[in-house]
Each structure stands twice: as C-alpha cells, then as structure tokens.
Amino acid sequence: MNASPTETLLDLRGLACPMPVLKANRALRDMPPGAKLRILATDRASVADFQSYCRETGHALIAFTDTAGVLSFMIRRRAETSPS
C-alpha cells in the first residue's frame, strides 16, 4: 500500500460511491498529522465527494489528476487540534 516514504497509496479503482471516501477516511484516521494519502479511483462521483470530504474534515486536497479515466487524489491529513 505504500507509494513512497512520504505518501501512502490507496488503490480504490472499481469501487463506487461511497466506498472510496469511506476507505480513505479509515486510512487517514491511522495516519499521523501532515501525512499524505494518494488515492486512485475510477468513480466519477469521487471528484465532488473528495472535495466535500476535505472541506468538511479539514484535510487538504492538494492535488487531483484524471489520466485515462483513473482519478488520482492527493490528500494531506490535517494537524490534530489541541483539546479545549
């Protein structure tokens, strides 16, 4: 699942909504703040889904490409908030 020492690759090609976002959320929960997750998906709905997901969770969608129908998203995990 690892793409490089600084990013983790999650291949979700072939999965339909809402599975790509649910699996990415599970992966991000186990990653340290600032870590990068690259997601590969083929579901066109994933574009809007990941934009909304990042806006709602505070994670950063830092890159997006569409190459021959394979969508690639790079998400950086948000920094932990300090307890109030």
N, C-alpha and C. Protein backbone atom coordinates (compact mmCIF):
# COMPACT_ATOMS: atom_id res chain seq x y z
N MET A 1 0.81 -1.19 0.00
CA MET A 1 0.00 0.00 0.00
C MET A 1 0.86 1.26 0.00
N ASN A 2 2.15 1.19 0.37
CA ASN A 2 2.98 2.40 0.41
C ASN A 2 3.51 2.75 -0.96
N ALA A 3 3.43 4.03 -1.33
CA ALA A 3 3.95 4.53 -2.60
C ALA A 3 5.36 5.06 -2.43
N SER A 4 5.66 5.69 -1.32
CA SER A 4 6.98 6.24 -1.02
C SER A 4 7.03 6.46 0.48
N PRO A 5 8.21 6.82 1.01
CA PRO A 5 8.28 7.06 2.46
C PRO A 5 7.40 8.22 2.92
N THR A 6 7.05 9.13 2.01
CA THR A 6 6.29 10.30 2.43
C THR A 6 4.82 10.25 2.07
N GLU A 7 4.41 9.22 1.32
CA GLU A 7 2.99 9.11 0.98
C GLU A 7 2.55 7.66 0.99
N THR A 8 1.28 7.46 1.23
CA THR A 8 0.67 6.14 1.21
C THR A 8 -0.26 6.07 0.02
N LEU A 9 -0.24 4.96 -0.69
CA LEU A 9 -1.10 4.77 -1.86
C LEU A 9 -2.27 3.88 -1.49
N LEU A 10 -3.47 4.32 -1.86
CA LEU A 10 -4.69 3.57 -1.63
C LEU A 10 -5.38 3.39 -2.98
N ASP A 11 -5.36 2.17 -3.51
CA ASP A 11 -5.93 1.89 -4.83
C ASP A 11 -7.38 1.46 -4.66
N LEU A 12 -8.30 2.35 -5.05
CA LEU A 12 -9.73 2.10 -4.90
C LEU A 12 -10.43 2.04 -6.26
N ARG A 13 -9.67 1.74 -7.30
CA ARG A 13 -10.26 1.64 -8.63
C ARG A 13 -11.33 0.55 -8.65
N GLY A 14 -12.45 0.86 -9.29
CA GLY A 14 -13.54 -0.10 -9.41
C GLY A 14 -14.59 0.01 -8.32
N LEU A 15 -14.30 0.75 -7.25
CA LEU A 15 -15.28 0.91 -6.18
C LEU A 15 -16.19 2.09 -6.47
N ALA A 16 -17.46 1.94 -6.12
CA ALA A 16 -18.45 3.00 -6.34
C ALA A 16 -18.72 3.74 -5.05
N CYS A 17 -19.26 4.95 -5.20
CA CYS A 17 -19.66 5.80 -4.09
C CYS A 17 -20.58 5.01 -3.14
N PRO A 18 -20.37 5.09 -1.86
CA PRO A 18 -19.49 5.97 -1.09
C PRO A 18 -18.18 5.31 -0.66
N MET A 19 -17.88 4.12 -1.20
CA MET A 19 -16.74 3.35 -0.71
C MET A 19 -15.38 4.06 -0.80
N PRO A 20 -15.05 4.77 -1.89
CA PRO A 20 -13.74 5.43 -1.90
C PRO A 20 -13.54 6.40 -0.73
N VAL A 21 -14.54 7.21 -0.43
CA VAL A 21 -14.41 8.17 0.68
C VAL A 21 -14.36 7.43 2.02
N LEU A 22 -15.17 6.41 2.19
CA LEU A 22 -15.18 5.67 3.46
C LEU A 22 -13.84 4.99 3.70
N LYS A 23 -13.27 4.37 2.68
CA LYS A 23 -11.97 3.70 2.84
C LYS A 23 -10.84 4.71 3.04
N ALA A 24 -10.91 5.84 2.35
CA ALA A 24 -9.90 6.88 2.54
C ALA A 24 -9.98 7.44 3.96
N ASN A 25 -11.18 7.65 4.45
CA ASN A 25 -11.36 8.15 5.81
C ASN A 25 -10.73 7.19 6.82
N ARG A 26 -10.96 5.91 6.65
CA ARG A 26 -10.38 4.90 7.55
C ARG A 26 -8.85 4.95 7.50
N ALA A 27 -8.30 5.08 6.30
CA ALA A 27 -6.85 5.13 6.15
C ALA A 27 -6.28 6.39 6.80
N LEU A 28 -6.92 7.53 6.59
CA LEU A 28 -6.43 8.79 7.15
C LEU A 28 -6.47 8.80 8.67
N ARG A 29 -7.43 8.14 9.26
CA ARG A 29 -7.51 8.08 10.73
C ARG A 29 -6.28 7.45 11.34
N ASP A 30 -5.66 6.51 10.61
CA ASP A 30 -4.50 5.79 11.13
C ASP A 30 -3.17 6.45 10.76
N MET A 31 -3.21 7.59 10.09
CA MET A 31 -2.00 8.26 9.65
C MET A 31 -1.68 9.44 10.56
N PRO A 32 -0.40 9.79 10.68
CA PRO A 32 -0.04 10.94 11.51
C PRO A 32 -0.40 12.26 10.83
N PRO A 33 -0.57 13.33 11.60
CA PRO A 33 -0.86 14.64 11.03
C PRO A 33 0.21 15.03 10.00
N GLY A 34 -0.24 15.59 8.89
CA GLY A 34 0.68 16.01 7.84
C GLY A 34 1.02 14.93 6.82
N ALA A 35 0.66 13.68 7.11
CA ALA A 35 0.95 12.59 6.18
C ALA A 35 0.11 12.74 4.92
N LYS A 36 0.63 12.20 3.82
CA LYS A 36 -0.07 12.32 2.53
C LYS A 36 -0.62 10.96 2.11
N LEU A 37 -1.84 10.99 1.60
CA LEU A 37 -2.51 9.80 1.09
C LEU A 37 -2.85 10.03 -0.38
N ARG A 38 -2.30 9.18 -1.26
CA ARG A 38 -2.65 9.23 -2.68
C ARG A 38 -3.72 8.16 -2.91
N ILE A 39 -4.83 8.58 -3.52
CA ILE A 39 -5.96 7.70 -3.76
C ILE A 39 -6.17 7.58 -5.26
N LEU A 40 -6.28 6.34 -5.74
CA LEU A 40 -6.63 6.09 -7.13
C LEU A 40 -8.06 5.60 -7.16
N ALA A 41 -8.89 6.20 -8.01
CA ALA A 41 -10.30 5.82 -8.10
C ALA A 41 -10.76 5.95 -9.54
N THR A 42 -11.87 5.28 -9.85
CA THR A 42 -12.45 5.37 -11.19
C THR A 42 -13.88 5.89 -11.16
N ASP A 43 -14.45 6.04 -10.00
CA ASP A 43 -15.83 6.55 -9.87
C ASP A 43 -15.83 8.06 -10.05
N ARG A 44 -16.49 8.56 -11.10
CA ARG A 44 -16.52 10.00 -11.38
C ARG A 44 -17.09 10.81 -10.23
N ALA A 45 -17.98 10.22 -9.44
CA ALA A 45 -18.56 10.94 -8.30
C ALA A 45 -17.51 11.23 -7.24
N SER A 46 -16.38 10.54 -7.29
CA SER A 46 -15.32 10.75 -6.29
C SER A 46 -14.78 12.18 -6.31
N VAL A 47 -14.82 12.83 -7.46
CA VAL A 47 -14.29 14.19 -7.56
C VAL A 47 -15.02 15.10 -6.58
N ALA A 48 -16.34 15.17 -6.70
CA ALA A 48 -17.13 16.01 -5.79
C ALA A 48 -17.10 15.46 -4.37
N ASP A 49 -17.08 14.13 -4.24
CA ASP A 49 -17.07 13.52 -2.91
C ASP A 49 -15.82 13.91 -2.12
N PHE A 50 -14.64 13.82 -2.74
CA PHE A 50 -13.41 14.15 -2.02
C PHE A 50 -13.28 15.65 -1.77
N GLN A 51 -13.79 16.48 -2.68
CA GLN A 51 -13.78 17.92 -2.42
C GLN A 51 -14.62 18.24 -1.18
N SER A 52 -15.81 17.68 -1.11
CA SER A 52 -16.69 17.90 0.04
C SER A 52 -16.10 17.31 1.31
N TYR A 53 -15.57 16.10 1.20
CA TYR A 53 -14.98 15.42 2.36
C TYR A 53 -13.86 16.27 2.96
N CYS A 54 -12.97 16.77 2.13
CA CYS A 54 -11.85 17.58 2.64
C CYS A 54 -12.33 18.89 3.23
N ARG A 55 -13.29 19.51 2.61
CA ARG A 55 -13.85 20.76 3.14
C ARG A 55 -14.46 20.53 4.52
N GLU A 56 -15.15 19.41 4.71
CA GLU A 56 -15.84 19.13 5.97
C GLU A 56 -14.91 18.63 7.07
N THR A 57 -13.82 17.96 6.71
CA THR A 57 -12.95 17.36 7.72
C THR A 57 -11.71 18.19 8.04
N GLY A 58 -11.37 19.13 7.17
CA GLY A 58 -10.17 19.93 7.40
C GLY A 58 -8.92 19.34 6.78
N HIS A 59 -9.03 18.15 6.16
CA HIS A 59 -7.89 17.60 5.42
C HIS A 59 -7.72 18.45 4.15
N ALA A 60 -6.53 18.45 3.59
CA ALA A 60 -6.25 19.28 2.41
C ALA A 60 -6.18 18.42 1.15
N LEU A 61 -7.01 18.74 0.17
CA LEU A 61 -6.91 18.12 -1.15
C LEU A 61 -5.86 18.93 -1.91
N ILE A 62 -4.64 18.39 -1.99
CA ILE A 62 -3.53 19.18 -2.53
C ILE A 62 -3.24 18.90 -4.00
N ALA A 63 -3.80 17.83 -4.56
CA ALA A 63 -3.60 17.55 -5.98
C ALA A 63 -4.71 16.65 -6.49
N PHE A 64 -5.03 16.82 -7.76
CA PHE A 64 -6.02 15.99 -8.43
C PHE A 64 -5.65 15.88 -9.90
N THR A 65 -5.65 14.66 -10.42
CA THR A 65 -5.43 14.45 -11.85
C THR A 65 -6.42 13.41 -12.36
N ASP A 66 -6.69 13.47 -13.64
CA ASP A 66 -7.54 12.49 -14.32
C ASP A 66 -6.75 12.02 -15.53
N THR A 67 -6.25 10.80 -15.48
CA THR A 67 -5.45 10.26 -16.56
C THR A 67 -6.12 9.00 -17.10
N ALA A 68 -6.66 9.10 -18.29
CA ALA A 68 -7.31 7.96 -18.95
C ALA A 68 -8.39 7.34 -18.06
N GLY A 69 -9.14 8.18 -17.37
CA GLY A 69 -10.23 7.68 -16.55
C GLY A 69 -9.85 7.25 -15.15
N VAL A 70 -8.56 7.31 -14.82
CA VAL A 70 -8.13 7.00 -13.46
C VAL A 70 -7.92 8.32 -12.73
N LEU A 71 -8.69 8.51 -11.69
CA LEU A 71 -8.63 9.73 -10.89
C LEU A 71 -7.60 9.54 -9.79
N SER A 72 -6.74 10.51 -9.63
CA SER A 72 -5.72 10.46 -8.58
C SER A 72 -5.89 11.69 -7.68
N PHE A 73 -6.07 11.43 -6.40
CA PHE A 73 -6.24 12.49 -5.41
C PHE A 73 -5.08 12.41 -4.43
N MET A 74 -4.52 13.55 -4.07
CA MET A 74 -3.51 13.60 -3.01
C MET A 74 -4.13 14.41 -1.87
N ILE A 75 -4.24 13.76 -0.71
CA ILE A 75 -4.82 14.41 0.47
C ILE A 75 -3.78 14.43 1.57
N ARG A 76 -3.61 15.60 2.19
CA ARG A 76 -2.72 15.72 3.35
C ARG A 76 -3.59 15.73 4.60
N ARG A 77 -3.25 14.85 5.54
CA ARG A 77 -4.01 14.75 6.78
C ARG A 77 -3.86 16.03 7.58
N ARG A 78 -4.95 16.47 8.14
CA ARG A 78 -4.95 17.72 8.92
C ARG A 78 -4.12 17.54 10.19
N ALA A 79 -3.68 18.67 10.72
CA ALA A 79 -2.99 18.66 12.01
C ALA A 79 -4.02 18.40 13.09
N GLU A 80 -3.60 17.74 14.12
CA GLU A 80 -4.51 17.49 15.25
C GLU A 80 -4.82 18.80 15.94
N THR A 81 -6.04 18.94 16.38
CA THR A 81 -6.40 20.12 17.15
C THR A 81 -6.14 19.84 18.61
N SER A 82 -5.72 20.86 19.32
CA SER A 82 -5.46 20.67 20.74
C SER A 82 -6.78 20.62 21.51
N PRO A 83 -6.84 19.82 22.57
CA PRO A 83 -8.07 19.73 23.35
C PRO A 83 -8.43 21.08 23.98
N SER A 84 -9.72 21.37 24.03
CA SER A 84 -10.18 22.65 24.59
C SER A 84 -10.16 22.62 26.10
